[in-house]
Amino acid sequence: MKLKILIIEDSETLQDGWKESLLRVTPLIEVIQAFSIKEAEKAFSDNSDLSAIAVDACVPGAYPNTMELVKKIRKSFLGHMIALSSSDIFNEMILEAGCNHKTTKQKLVNKIKDIFDL
């Protein structure tokens, strides 16, 4: 079974590092990247078979702005949603909006490995 993970994060450097690391864990992962809320909405609507979604709180910028996106996605997505922020306060905000896991940016790959027993 192939896992399809949507990562919503505005840093291209972080995104590329996570994608490389996840593909080293198993070639059975497909990483969909979104660098803005608009891209995330399109990626979500284009991929009905997502296994998990990781969401940064601030996309783009330094202020939390993805809570409404999480609420919107959570209305129809029952899978794993990971709050992904360097700030614990921001992670709590995304959890309240609908995510059911949280992690720091440095531990995202390990969190995905744990969730899917990889």
Protein backbone atom coordinates (compact mmCIF):
# COMPACT_ATOMS: atom_id res chain seq x y z
CA MET A 1 0.00 0.00 0.00
CA LYS A 2 1.36 3.38 -1.00
CA LEU A 3 1.16 6.21 1.52
CA LYS A 4 0.31 9.65 0.21
CA ILE A 5 1.31 12.52 2.50
CA LEU A 6 0.39 16.18 1.93
CA ILE A 7 2.84 18.57 3.59
CA ILE A 8 1.72 22.19 3.93
CA GLU A 9 4.80 24.30 4.68
CA ASP A 10 6.16 27.44 3.00
CA SER A 11 9.87 26.54 3.30
CA GLU A 12 11.05 24.80 0.16
CA THR A 13 14.27 23.74 1.90
CA LEU A 14 12.37 21.98 4.72
CA GLN A 15 9.92 20.41 2.27
CA ASP A 16 12.70 19.00 0.10
CA GLY A 17 14.58 17.62 3.12
CA TRP A 18 11.47 15.88 4.47
CA LYS A 19 10.63 14.46 1.06
CA GLU A 20 14.16 13.02 0.64
CA SER A 21 14.13 11.58 4.15
CA LEU A 22 10.70 9.99 3.74
CA LEU A 23 11.65 8.42 0.41
CA ARG A 24 14.73 6.91 2.11
CA VAL A 25 12.43 5.35 4.72
CA THR A 26 10.34 3.65 2.04
CA PRO A 27 9.75 4.14 -1.68
CA LEU A 28 6.07 3.49 -0.95
CA ILE A 29 5.54 7.11 0.09
CA GLU A 30 4.38 9.86 -2.21
CA VAL A 31 4.87 13.38 -0.87
CA ILE A 32 2.56 16.12 -2.13
CA GLN A 33 3.95 19.58 -1.41
CA ALA A 34 1.95 22.76 -0.83
CA PHE A 35 3.69 26.07 -0.12
CA SER A 36 0.58 28.23 0.40
CA ILE A 37 -2.99 27.86 1.60
CA LYS A 38 -4.25 28.09 -1.97
CA GLU A 39 -1.90 25.31 -3.11
CA ALA A 40 -2.95 23.23 -0.09
CA GLU A 41 -6.65 23.57 -0.95
CA LYS A 42 -5.96 22.48 -4.54
CA ALA A 43 -3.72 19.59 -3.49
CA PHE A 44 -6.35 18.39 -1.03
CA SER A 45 -9.14 18.52 -3.60
CA ASP A 46 -6.95 16.81 -6.24
CA ASN A 47 -5.91 13.93 -3.94
CA SER A 48 -8.84 12.13 -2.38
CA ASP A 49 -6.60 9.23 -1.29
CA LEU A 50 -4.34 11.04 1.19
CA SER A 51 -3.00 9.00 4.10
CA ALA A 52 -1.93 12.00 6.19
CA ILE A 53 -1.63 15.77 6.12
CA ALA A 54 1.06 17.75 7.96
CA VAL A 55 0.22 21.43 8.46
CA ASP A 56 2.45 24.30 9.54
CA ALA A 57 0.65 27.08 11.42
CA CYS A 58 2.07 29.93 9.35
CA VAL A 59 1.86 29.48 5.58
CA PRO A 60 3.42 31.77 4.58
CA GLY A 61 4.84 34.07 7.20
CA ALA A 62 5.32 34.22 10.95
CA TYR A 63 1.70 34.47 12.12
CA PRO A 64 -0.72 31.54 12.43
CA ASN A 65 -3.12 31.48 9.48
CA THR A 66 -3.94 27.84 8.73
CA MET A 67 -6.59 27.14 11.38
CA GLU A 68 -9.50 27.78 8.98
CA LEU A 69 -7.85 25.53 6.39
CA VAL A 70 -7.55 22.74 8.97
CA LYS A 71 -11.21 23.15 9.97
CA LYS A 72 -12.26 23.05 6.32
CA ILE A 73 -10.20 19.92 5.55
CA ARG A 74 -11.29 18.17 8.74
CA LYS A 75 -14.95 18.35 7.65
CA SER A 76 -14.28 15.65 5.06
CA PHE A 77 -10.86 14.16 5.94
CA LEU A 78 -10.87 11.58 8.72
CA GLY A 79 -7.20 10.57 8.46
CA HIS A 80 -4.10 11.65 10.31
CA MET A 81 -3.52 15.40 10.52
CA ILE A 82 -0.25 16.53 12.06
CA ALA A 83 0.23 19.99 13.57
CA LEU A 84 3.71 20.98 12.43
CA SER A 85 5.13 24.07 14.08
CA SER A 86 8.28 25.10 15.87
CA SER A 87 6.02 26.85 18.39
CA ASP A 88 4.12 24.72 20.90
CA ILE A 89 1.51 27.49 21.21
CA PHE A 90 0.93 27.42 17.45
CA ASN A 91 0.75 23.61 17.49
CA GLU A 92 -1.96 23.81 20.15
CA MET A 93 -3.91 26.24 17.96
CA ILE A 94 -3.78 23.83 15.01
CA LEU A 95 -4.73 20.90 17.25
CA GLU A 96 -7.79 22.82 18.43
CA ALA A 97 -8.70 23.46 14.78
CA GLY A 98 -8.75 19.73 14.00
CA CYS A 99 -5.33 18.08 13.87
CA ASN A 100 -4.99 14.89 15.87
CA HIS A 101 -1.18 14.73 16.18
CA LYS A 102 1.54 17.31 16.77
CA THR A 103 5.28 17.46 16.29
CA THR A 104 8.12 19.86 15.76
CA LYS A 105 9.59 20.45 12.33
CA GLN A 106 12.74 18.57 13.31
CA LYS A 107 10.74 15.45 14.22
CA LEU A 108 8.23 15.26 11.34
CA VAL A 109 9.84 12.27 9.63
CA ASN A 110 9.96 10.33 12.91
CA LYS A 111 6.33 11.22 13.65
CA ILE A 112 5.22 9.87 10.26
CA LYS A 113 7.31 6.73 10.83
CA ASP A 114 5.64 6.26 14.21
CA ILE A 115 2.10 6.83 12.92
CA PHE A 116 2.49 4.30 10.10
CA ASP A 117 4.90 1.87 11.83
CA LEU A 118 7.64 2.36 9.22
